[in-house]
PDB file of N, CA and C in Angstrom:
ATOM      1  N   MET A   1     179.972 133.116 116.085  1.00  0.00           N
ATOM      2  CA  MET A   1     179.057 133.409 115.002  1.00  0.00           C
ATOM      3  C   MET A   1     178.189 132.179 114.732  1.00  0.00           C
ATOM      4  N   THR A   2     176.928 132.402 114.536  1.00  0.00           N
ATOM      5  CA  THR A   2     175.986 131.307 114.305  1.00  0.00           C
ATOM      6  C   THR A   2     176.181 130.709 112.918  1.00  0.00           C
ATOM      7  N   GLN A   3     176.134 129.400 112.850  1.00  0.00           N
ATOM      8  CA  GLN A   3     176.198 128.691 111.585  1.00  0.00           C
ATOM      9  C   GLN A   3     174.773 128.474 111.105  1.00  0.00           C
ATOM     10  N   TYR A   4     174.402 129.069 109.985  1.00  0.00           N
ATOM     11  CA  TYR A   4     173.037 128.981 109.481  1.00  0.00           C
ATOM     12  C   TYR A   4     172.904 127.929 108.393  1.00  0.00           C
ATOM     13  N   SER A   5     171.715 127.352 108.339  1.00  0.00           N
ATOM     14  CA  SER A   5     171.306 126.524 107.206  1.00  0.00           C
ATOM     15  C   SER A   5     170.412 127.405 106.354  1.00  0.00           C
ATOM     16  N   TYR A   6     170.452 127.221 105.062  1.00  0.00           N
ATOM     17  CA  TYR A   6     169.666 128.045 104.153  1.00  0.00           C
ATOM     18  C   TYR A   6     168.656 127.193 103.413  1.00  0.00           C
ATOM     19  N   VAL A   7     167.418 127.695 103.354  1.00  0.00           N
ATOM     20  CA  VAL A   7     166.364 127.061 102.573  1.00  0.00           C
ATOM     21  C   VAL A   7     165.873 128.111 101.581  1.00  0.00           C
ATOM     22  N   ILE A   8     166.033 127.805 100.304  1.00  0.00           N
ATOM     23  CA  ILE A   8     165.567 128.724  99.271  1.00  0.00           C
ATOM     24  C   ILE A   8     164.220 128.215  98.786  1.00  0.00           C
ATOM     25  N   LYS A   9     163.195 128.988  99.061  1.00  0.00           N
ATOM     26  CA  LYS A   9     161.838 128.595  98.679  1.00  0.00           C
ATOM     27  C   LYS A   9     161.671 128.708  97.160  1.00  0.00           C
ATOM     28  N   PRO A  10     160.784 127.898  96.585  1.00  0.00           N
ATOM     29  CA  PRO A  10     160.595 127.906  95.127  1.00  0.00           C
ATOM     30  C   PRO A  10     160.266 129.295  94.554  1.00  0.00           C
ATOM     31  N   ARG A  11     159.502 130.078  95.279  1.00  0.00           N
ATOM     32  CA  ARG A  11     159.147 131.411  94.776  1.00  0.00           C
ATOM     33  C   ARG A  11     160.388 132.262  94.542  1.00  0.00           C
ATOM     34  N   ALA A  12     161.343 132.220  95.457  1.00  0.00           N
ATOM     35  CA  ALA A  12     162.557 133.029  95.338  1.00  0.00           C
ATOM     36  C   ALA A  12     163.377 132.602  94.125  1.00  0.00           C
ATOM     37  N   SER A  13     163.607 131.326  93.970  1.00  0.00           N
ATOM     38  CA  SER A  13     164.398 130.866  92.821  1.00  0.00           C
ATOM     39  C   SER A  13     163.646 131.101  91.513  1.00  0.00           C
ATOM     40  N   ARG A  14     162.337 130.934  91.525  1.00  0.00           N
ATOM     41  CA  ARG A  14     161.527 131.160  90.323  1.00  0.00           C
ATOM     42  C   ARG A  14     161.610 132.618  89.865  1.00  0.00           C
ATOM     43  N   LYS A  15     161.592 133.555  90.822  1.00  0.00           N
ATOM     44  CA  LYS A  15     161.676 134.973  90.481  1.00  0.00           C
ATOM     45  C   LYS A  15     162.980 135.291  89.757  1.00  0.00           C
ATOM     46  N   ILE A  16     164.067 134.698  90.217  1.00  0.00           N
ATOM     47  CA  ILE A  16     165.369 134.942  89.591  1.00  0.00           C
ATOM     48  C   ILE A  16     165.401 134.368  88.178  1.00  0.00           C
ATOM     49  N   VAL A  17     164.988 133.124  88.036  1.00  0.00           N
ATOM     50  CA  VAL A  17     164.999 132.477  86.724  1.00  0.00           C
ATOM     51  C   VAL A  17     164.083 133.211  85.752  1.00  0.00           C
ATOM     52  N   GLU A  18     162.890 133.574  86.187  1.00  0.00           N
ATOM     53  CA  GLU A  18     161.941 134.276  85.313  1.00  0.00           C
ATOM     54  C   GLU A  18     162.485 135.638  84.874  1.00  0.00           C
ATOM     55  N   PHE A  19     163.141 136.343  85.787  1.00  0.00           N
ATOM     56  CA  PHE A  19     163.710 137.639  85.426  1.00  0.00           C
ATOM     57  C   PHE A  19     164.717 137.472  84.290  1.00  0.00           C
ATOM     58  N   TYR A  20     165.626 136.524  84.440  1.00  0.00           N
ATOM     59  CA  TYR A  20     166.654 136.343  83.418  1.00  0.00           C
ATOM     60  C   TYR A  20     166.118 135.687  82.152  1.00  0.00           C
ATOM     61  N   LYS A  21     165.031 134.931  82.238  1.00  0.00           N
ATOM     62  CA  LYS A  21     164.367 134.439  81.021  1.00  0.00           C
ATOM     63  C   LYS A  21     163.824 135.615  80.219  1.00  0.00           C
ATOM     64  N   ASN A  22     163.247 136.581  80.920  1.00  0.00           N
ATOM     65  CA  ASN A  22     162.732 137.774  80.246  1.00  0.00           C
ATOM     66  C   ASN A  22     163.857 138.583  79.613  1.00  0.00           C
ATOM     67  N   VAL A  23     164.996 138.666  80.290  1.00  0.00           N
ATOM     68  CA  VAL A  23     166.155 139.352  79.718  1.00  0.00           C
ATOM     69  C   VAL A  23     166.583 138.622  78.445  1.00  0.00           C
ATOM     70  N   ALA A  24     166.638 137.298  78.500  1.00  0.00           N
ATOM     71  CA  ALA A  24     167.044 136.502  77.340  1.00  0.00           C
ATOM     72  C   ALA A  24     166.077 136.695  76.173  1.00  0.00           C
ATOM     73  N   ARG A  25     164.787 136.788  76.482  1.00  0.00           N
ATOM     74  CA  ARG A  25     163.790 137.015  75.439  1.00  0.00           C
ATOM     75  C   ARG A  25     163.976 138.387  74.793  1.00  0.00           C
ATOM     76  N   LYS A  26     164.221 139.383  75.609  1.00  0.00           N
ATOM     77  CA  LYS A  26     164.362 140.746  75.102  1.00  0.00           C
ATOM     78  C   LYS A  26     165.651 140.930  74.298  1.00  0.00           C
ATOM     79  N   TYR A  27     166.724 140.310  74.751  1.00  0.00           N
ATOM     80  CA  TYR A  27     168.024 140.460  74.098  1.00  0.00           C
ATOM     81  C   TYR A  27     168.477 139.148  73.471  1.00  0.00           C
ATOM     82  N   LYS A  28     167.583 138.498  72.740  1.00  0.00           N
ATOM     83  CA  LYS A  28     167.839 137.155  72.226  1.00  0.00           C
ATOM     84  C   LYS A  28     169.057 137.047  71.304  1.00  0.00           C
ATOM     85  N   HIS A  29     169.471 138.153  70.695  1.00  0.00           N
ATOM     86  CA  HIS A  29     170.615 138.089  69.783  1.00  0.00           C
ATOM     87  C   HIS A  29     171.953 138.341  70.477  1.00  0.00           C
ATOM     88  N   THR A  30     171.904 138.840  71.693  1.00  0.00           N
ATOM     89  CA  THR A  30     173.163 139.164  72.372  1.00  0.00           C
ATOM     90  C   THR A  30     173.327 138.506  73.743  1.00  0.00           C
ATOM     91  N   TYR A  31     172.248 137.969  74.293  1.00  0.00           N
ATOM     92  CA  TYR A  31     172.297 137.378  75.637  1.00  0.00           C
ATOM     93  C   TYR A  31     172.339 135.866  75.485  1.00  0.00           C
ATOM     94  N   SER A  32     173.463 135.267  75.852  1.00  0.00           N
ATOM     95  CA  SER A  32     173.646 133.832  75.625  1.00  0.00           C
ATOM     96  C   SER A  32     173.151 133.002  76.806  1.00  0.00           C
ATOM     97  N   TYR A  33     173.084 131.703  76.569  1.00  0.00           N
ATOM     98  CA  TYR A  33     172.733 130.761  77.629  1.00  0.00           C
ATOM     99  C   TYR A  33     173.767 130.830  78.755  1.00  0.00           C
ATOM    100  N   ASP A  34     175.027 131.004  78.414  1.00  0.00           N
ATOM    101  CA  ASP A  34     176.077 131.130  79.429  1.00  0.00           C
ATOM    102  C   ASP A  34     175.870 132.378  80.280  1.00  0.00           C
ATOM    103  N   ASP A  35     175.450 133.474  79.643  1.00  0.00           N
ATOM    104  CA  ASP A  35     175.133 134.699  80.389  1.00  0.00           C
ATOM    105  C   ASP A  35     173.991 134.433  81.362  1.00  0.00           C
ATOM    106  N   PHE A  36     172.957 133.756  80.869  1.00  0.00           N
ATOM    107  CA  PHE A  36     171.794 133.409  81.681  1.00  0.00           C
ATOM    108  C   PHE A  36     172.211 132.601  82.909  1.00  0.00           C
ATOM    109  N   MET A  37     172.964 131.534  82.677  1.00  0.00           N
ATOM    110  CA  MET A  37     173.375 130.668  83.781  1.00  0.00           C
ATOM    111  C   MET A  37     174.285 131.397  84.767  1.00  0.00           C
ATOM    112  N   SER A  38     175.154 132.231  84.266  1.00  0.00           N
ATOM    113  CA  SER A  38     176.057 132.987  85.129  1.00  0.00           C
ATOM    114  C   SER A  38     175.284 133.957  86.012  1.00  0.00           C
ATOM    115  N   ASN A  39     174.320 134.658  85.425  1.00  0.00           N
ATOM    116  CA  ASN A  39     173.514 135.609  86.199  1.00  0.00           C
ATOM    117  C   ASN A  39     172.681 134.916  87.265  1.00  0.00           C
ATOM    118  N   VAL A  40     172.076 133.790  86.918  1.00  0.00           N
ATOM    119  CA  VAL A  40     171.278 133.031  87.890  1.00  0.00           C
ATOM    120  C   VAL A  40     172.183 132.526  89.009  1.00  0.00           C
ATOM    121  N   ARG A  41     173.328 131.994  88.659  1.00  0.00           N
ATOM    122  CA  ARG A  41     174.272 131.455  89.641  1.00  0.00           C
ATOM    123  C   ARG A  41     174.709 132.541  90.630  1.00  0.00           C
ATOM    124  N   VAL A  42     175.066 133.706  90.135  1.00  0.00           N
ATOM    125  CA  VAL A  42     175.500 134.804  91.002  1.00  0.00           C
ATOM    126  C   VAL A  42     174.376 135.208  91.954  1.00  0.00           C
ATOM    127  N   ALA A  43     173.153 135.338  91.424  1.00  0.00           N
ATOM    128  CA  ALA A  43     172.014 135.750  92.254  1.00  0.00           C
ATOM    129  C   ALA A  43     171.718 134.721  93.347  1.00  0.00           C
ATOM    130  N   VAL A  44     171.777 133.441  93.000  1.00  0.00           N
ATOM    131  CA  VAL A  44     171.485 132.385  93.981  1.00  0.00           C
ATOM    132  C   VAL A  44     172.613 132.267  95.003  1.00  0.00           C
ATOM    133  N   PHE A  45     173.850 132.272  94.548  1.00  0.00           N
ATOM    134  CA  PHE A  45     174.968 132.142  95.484  1.00  0.00           C
ATOM    135  C   PHE A  45     175.047 133.307  96.456  1.00  0.00           C
ATOM    136  N   SER A  46     174.615 134.489  96.024  1.00  0.00           N
ATOM    137  CA  SER A  46     174.676 135.640  96.925  1.00  0.00           C
ATOM    138  C   SER A  46     173.718 135.491  98.107  1.00  0.00           C
ATOM    139  N   MET A  47     172.698 134.649  97.966  1.00  0.00           N
ATOM    140  CA  MET A  47     171.768 134.400  99.077  1.00  0.00           C
ATOM    141  C   MET A  47     172.490 133.823 100.293  1.00  0.00           C
ATOM    142  N   TYR A  48     173.552 133.094 100.054  1.00  0.00           N
ATOM    143  CA  TYR A  48     174.268 132.450 101.148  1.00  0.00           C
ATOM    144  C   TYR A  48     175.092 133.438 101.977  1.00  0.00           C
ATOM    145  N   GLY A  49     175.064 134.700 101.601  1.00  0.00           N
ATOM    146  CA  GLY A  49     175.701 135.747 102.396  1.00  0.00           C
ATOM    147  C   GLY A  49     174.757 136.409 103.376  1.00  0.00           C
ATOM    148  N   ILE A  50     173.477 136.047 103.314  1.00  0.00           N
ATOM    149  CA  ILE A  50     172.494 136.644 104.220  1.00  0.00           C
ATOM    150  C   ILE A  50     172.879 136.329 105.666  1.00  0.00           C
ATOM    151  N   GLU A  51     172.869 137.364 106.483  1.00  0.00           N
ATOM    152  CA  GLU A  51     173.238 137.320 107.900  1.00  0.00           C
ATOM    153  C   GLU A  51     174.733 137.071 108.111  1.00  0.00           C
ATOM    154  N   LYS A  52     175.513 137.013 107.048  1.00  0.00           N
ATOM    155  CA  LYS A  52     176.977 136.911 107.164  1.00  0.00           C
ATOM    156  C   LYS A  52     177.570 138.216 106.652  1.00  0.00           C
ATOM    157  N   THR A  53     177.545 138.393 105.340  1.00  0.00           N
ATOM    158  CA  THR A  53     178.085 139.617 104.745  1.00  0.00           C
ATOM    159  C   THR A  53     176.991 140.572 104.293  1.00  0.00           C
ATOM    160  N   LEU A  54     175.775 140.067 104.091  1.00  0.00           N
ATOM    161  CA  LEU A  54     174.652 140.928 103.691  1.00  0.00           C
ATOM    162  C   LEU A  54     173.904 141.361 104.948  1.00  0.00           C
ATOM    163  N   LEU A  55     173.817 142.642 105.145  1.00  0.00           N
ATOM    164  CA  LEU A  55     173.199 143.163 106.358  1.00  0.00           C
ATOM    165  C   LEU A  55     171.684 143.061 106.320  1.00  0.00           C
ATOM    166  N   ARG A  56     171.100 142.854 107.487  1.00  0.00           N
ATOM    167  CA  ARG A  56     169.655 142.807 107.644  1.00  0.00           C
ATOM    168  C   ARG A  56     169.121 144.234 107.520  1.00  0.00           C
ATOM    169  N   ARG A  57     168.076 144.379 106.714  1.00  0.00           N
ATOM    170  CA  ARG A  57     167.479 145.695 106.506  1.00  0.00           C
ATOM    171  C   ARG A  57     165.974 145.638 106.749  1.00  0.00           C
ATOM    172  N   THR A  58     165.404 146.807 106.958  1.00  0.00           N
ATOM    173  CA  THR A  58     163.952 146.912 107.060  1.00  0.00           C
ATOM    174  C   THR A  58     163.394 146.866 105.645  1.00  0.00           C
ATOM    175  N   PRO A  59     162.375 146.048 105.391  1.00  0.00           N
ATOM    176  CA  PRO A  59     161.821 145.952 104.042  1.00  0.00           C
ATOM    177  C   PRO A  59     161.312 147.299 103.526  1.00  0.00           C
ATOM    178  N   THR A  60     161.527 147.534 102.241  1.00  0.00           N
ATOM    179  CA  THR A  60     161.092 148.780 101.621  1.00  0.00           C
ATOM    180  C   THR A  60     159.835 148.599 100.781  1.00  0.00           C
ATOM    181  N   ILE A  61     159.375 147.371 100.600  1.00  0.00           N
ATOM    182  CA  ILE A  61     158.129 147.144  99.870  1.00  0.00           C
ATOM    183  C   ILE A  61     157.119 146.490 100.808  1.00  0.00           C
ATOM    184  N   SER A  62     155.878 146.898 100.666  1.00  0.00           N
ATOM    185  CA  SER A  62     154.845 146.511 101.633  1.00  0.00           C
ATOM    186  C   SER A  62     154.584 145.007 101.679  1.00  0.00           C
ATOM    187  N   ARG A  63     154.717 144.308 100.576  1.00  0.00           N
ATOM    188  CA  ARG A  63     154.436 142.863 100.601  1.00  0.00           C
ATOM    189  C   ARG A  63     155.456 142.086 101.428  1.00  0.00           C
ATOM    190  N   TRP A  64     156.557 142.715 101.787  1.00  0.00           N
ATOM    191  CA  TRP A  64     157.584 142.078 102.601  1.00  0.00           C
ATOM    192  C   TRP A  64     157.570 142.560 104.045  1.00  0.00           C
ATOM    193  N   LYS A  65     156.510 143.190 104.486  1.00  0.00           N
ATOM    194  CA  LYS A  65     156.499 143.822 105.813  1.00  0.00           C
ATOM    195  C   LYS A  65     156.724 142.833 106.962  1.00  0.00           C
ATOM    196  N   ASP A  66     156.434 141.568 106.775  1.00  0.00           N
ATOM    197  CA  ASP A  66     156.605 140.571 107.839  1.00  0.00           C
ATOM    198  C   ASP A  66     157.942 139.826 107.758  1.00  0.00           C
ATOM    199  N   TYR A  67     158.823 140.274 106.877  1.00  0.00           N
ATOM    200  CA  TYR A  67     160.094 139.596 106.659  1.00  0.00           C
ATOM    201  C   TYR A  67     161.272 140.524 106.947  1.00  0.00           C
ATOM    202  N   HIS A  68     162.451 139.929 106.975  1.00  0.00           N
ATOM    203  CA  HIS A  68     163.691 140.696 106.946  1.00  0.00           C
ATOM    204  C   HIS A  68     164.052 140.851 105.477  1.00  0.00           C
ATOM    205  N   MET A  69     164.904 141.813 105.186  1.00  0.00           N
ATOM    206  CA  MET A  69     165.329 142.021 103.808  1.00  0.00           C
ATOM    207  C   MET A  69     166.849 142.152 103.768  1.00  0.00           C
ATOM    208  N   ALA A  70     167.449 141.621 102.716  1.00  0.00           N
ATOM    209  CA  ALA A  70     168.883 141.770 102.481  1.00  0.00           C
ATOM    210  C   ALA A  70     169.074 142.167 101.027  1.00  0.00           C
ATOM    211  N   HIS A  71     170.192 142.812 100.754  1.00  0.00           N
ATOM    212  CA  HIS A  71     170.464 143.322  99.420  1.00  0.00           C
ATOM    213  C   HIS A  71     171.863 142.904  98.981  1.00  0.00           C
ATOM    214  N   SER A  72     171.951 142.405  97.761  1.00  0.00           N
ATOM    215  CA  SER A  72     173.251 142.042  97.195  1.00  0.00           C
ATOM    216  C   SER A  72     173.245 142.411  95.717  1.00  0.00           C
ATOM    217  N   GLY A  73     174.098 143.330  95.341  1.00  0.00           N
ATOM    218  CA  GLY A  73     174.149 143.747  93.939  1.00  0.00           C
ATOM    219  C   GLY A  73     172.821 144.320  93.508  1.00  0.00           C
ATOM    220  N   LYS A  74     172.214 143.700  92.513  1.00  0.00           N
ATOM    221  CA  LYS A  74     170.921 144.179  92.006  1.00  0.00           C
ATOM    222  C   LYS A  74     169.741 143.364  92.526  1.00  0.00           C
ATOM    223  N   TRP A  75     169.988 142.482  93.474  1.00  0.00           N
ATOM    224  CA  TRP A  75     168.919 141.632  93.998  1.00  0.00           C
ATOM    225  C   TRP A  75     168.628 141.943  95.460  1.00  0.00           C
ATOM    226  N   TYR A  76     167.337 141.914  95.788  1.00  0.00           N
ATOM    227  CA  TYR A  76     166.859 142.051  97.154  1.00  0.00           C
ATOM    228  C   TYR A  76     166.187 140.736  97.525  1.00  0.00           C
ATOM    229  N   TYR A  77     166.356 140.319  98.773  1.00  0.00           N
ATOM    230  CA  TYR A  77     165.811 139.042  99.235  1.00  0.00           C
ATOM    231  C   TYR A  77     164.987 139.254 100.492  1.00  0.00           C
ATOM    232  N   ALA A  78     163.827 138.601 100.553  1.00  0.00           N
ATOM    233  CA  ALA A  78     162.998 138.593 101.760  1.00  0.00           C
ATOM    234  C   ALA A  78     163.207 137.243 102.426  1.00  0.00           C
ATOM    235  N   TYR A  79     163.376 137.275 103.759  1.00  0.00           N
ATOM    236  CA  TYR A  79     163.656 136.021 104.448  1.00  0.00           C
ATOM    237  C   TYR A  79     163.174 136.058 105.899  1.00  0.00           C
ATOM    238  N   THR A  80     163.074 134.872 106.453  1.00  0.00           N
ATOM    239  CA  THR A  80     162.776 134.706 107.875  1.00  0.00           C
ATOM    240  C   THR A  80     163.919 133.908 108.493  1.00  0.00           C
ATOM    241  N   ILE A  81     164.023 134.012 109.807  1.00  0.00           N
ATOM    242  CA  ILE A  81     165.021 133.232 110.528  1.00  0.00           C
ATOM    243  C   ILE A  81     164.282 132.400 111.580  1.00  0.00           C
ATOM    244  N   ASP A  82     164.416 131.097 111.491  1.00  0.00           N
ATOM    245  CA  ASP A  82     163.836 130.166 112.461  1.00  0.00           C
ATOM    246  C   ASP A  82     164.977 129.376 113.081  1.00  0.00           C
ATOM    247  N   ASP A  83     165.292 129.709 114.338  1.00  0.00           N
ATOM    248  CA  ASP A  83     166.432 129.109 115.034  1.00  0.00           C
ATOM    249  C   ASP A  83     167.711 129.343 114.230  1.00  0.00           C
ATOM    250  N   ASP A  84     168.265 128.291 113.630  1.00  0.00           N
ATOM    251  CA  ASP A  84     169.489 128.454 112.854  1.00  0.00           C
ATOM    252  C   ASP A  84     169.257 128.240 111.354  1.00  0.00           C
ATOM    253  N   THR A  85     167.998 128.423 110.915  1.00  0.00           N
ATOM    254  CA  THR A  85     167.644 128.250 109.512  1.00  0.00           C
ATOM    255  C   THR A  85     167.157 129.569 108.929  1.00  0.00           C
ATOM    256  N   ILE A  86     167.728 129.952 107.812  1.00  0.00           N
ATOM    257  CA  ILE A  86     167.281 131.134 107.082  1.00  0.00           C
ATOM    258  C   ILE A  86     166.440 130.649 105.913  1.00  0.00           C
ATOM    259  N   ASN A  87     165.176 131.072 105.902  1.00  0.00           N
ATOM    260  CA  ASN A  87     164.245 130.715 104.833  1.00  0.00           C
ATOM    261  C   ASN A  87     164.113 131.907 103.899  1.00  0.00           C
ATOM    262  N   ILE A  88     164.633 131.779 102.697  1.00  0.00           N
ATOM    263  CA  ILE A  88     164.546 132.858 101.718  1.00  0.00           C
ATOM    264  C   ILE A  88     163.254 132.648 100.949  1.00  0.00           C
ATOM    265  N   VAL A  89     162.307 133.549 101.165  1.00  0.00           N
ATOM    266  CA  VAL A  89     160.952 133.350 100.656  1.00  0.00           C
ATOM    267  C   VAL A  89     160.668 134.094  99.360  1.00  0.00           C
ATOM    268  N   ASP A  90     161.437 135.142  99.054  1.00  0.00           N
ATOM    269  CA  ASP A  90     161.163 135.911  97.850  1.00  0.00           C
ATOM    270  C   ASP A  90     162.430 136.627  97.409  1.00  0.00           C
ATOM    271  N   ALA A  91     162.472 136.967  96.140  1.00  0.00           N
ATOM    272  CA  ALA A  91     163.584 137.728  95.572  1.00  0.00           C
ATOM    273  C   ALA A  91     163.010 138.743  94.604  1.00  0.00           C
ATOM    274  N   CYS A  92     163.673 139.889  94.499  1.00  0.00           N
ATOM    275  CA  CYS A  92     163.197 140.922  93.585  1.00  0.00           C
ATOM    276  C   CYS A  92     164.404 141.681  93.037  1.00  0.00           C
ATOM    277  N   HIS A  93     164.451 141.836  91.739  1.00  0.00           N
ATOM    278  CA  HIS A  93     165.518 142.601  91.103  1.00  0.00           C
ATOM    279  C   HIS A  93     165.296 144.088  91.402  1.00  0.00           C
ATOM    280  N   ALA A  94     166.363 144.830  91.503  1.00  0.00           N
ATOM    281  CA  ALA A  94     166.291 146.251  91.874  1.00  0.00           C
ATOM    282  C   ALA A  94     165.364 147.052  90.969  1.00  0.00           C
ATOM    283  N   GLN A  95     165.339 146.754  89.681  1.00  0.00           N
ATOM    284  CA  GLN A  95     164.492 147.536  88.779  1.00  0.00           C
ATOM    285  C   GLN A  95     163.005 147.249  88.967  1.00  0.00           C
ATOM    286  N   ASN A  96     162.675 146.193  89.710  1.00  0.00           N
ATOM    287  CA  ASN A  96     161.275 145.856  89.972  1.00  0.00           C
ATOM    288  C   ASN A  96     160.822 146.214  91.376  1.00  0.00           C
ATOM    289  N   MET A  97     161.704 146.796  92.176  1.00  0.00           N
ATOM    290  CA  MET A  97     161.342 147.197  93.539  1.00  0.00           C
ATOM    291  C   MET A  97     160.393 148.379  93.462  1.00  0.00           C
ATOM    292  N   LYS A  98     159.216 148.223  94.033  1.00  0.00           N
ATOM    293  CA  LYS A  98     158.203 149.293  93.994  1.00  0.00           C
ATOM    294  C   LYS A  98     157.718 149.574  95.378  1.00  0.00           C
TER     295      LYS A  98
END
């Protein structure tokens, strides 16, 4: 099995953080900072399963047509593979998949 290196591009991490910032804004009385950090951590750590436990899929949204796609829980990731490096270029929460 190939040992991959992972590069998470700023756009992908920004999408995750922004999504959960919006959740925190909407549910400011019930969504804590710990909830925020836990959700971000789970979404980011799941990226490291790409090409290991997360299966490669054909992208379902047109802006990702030149990438591979993987799905974990409620997050979808667009990525490329260059030799032994996986570049995660974008992330999208399931409710925003169009």
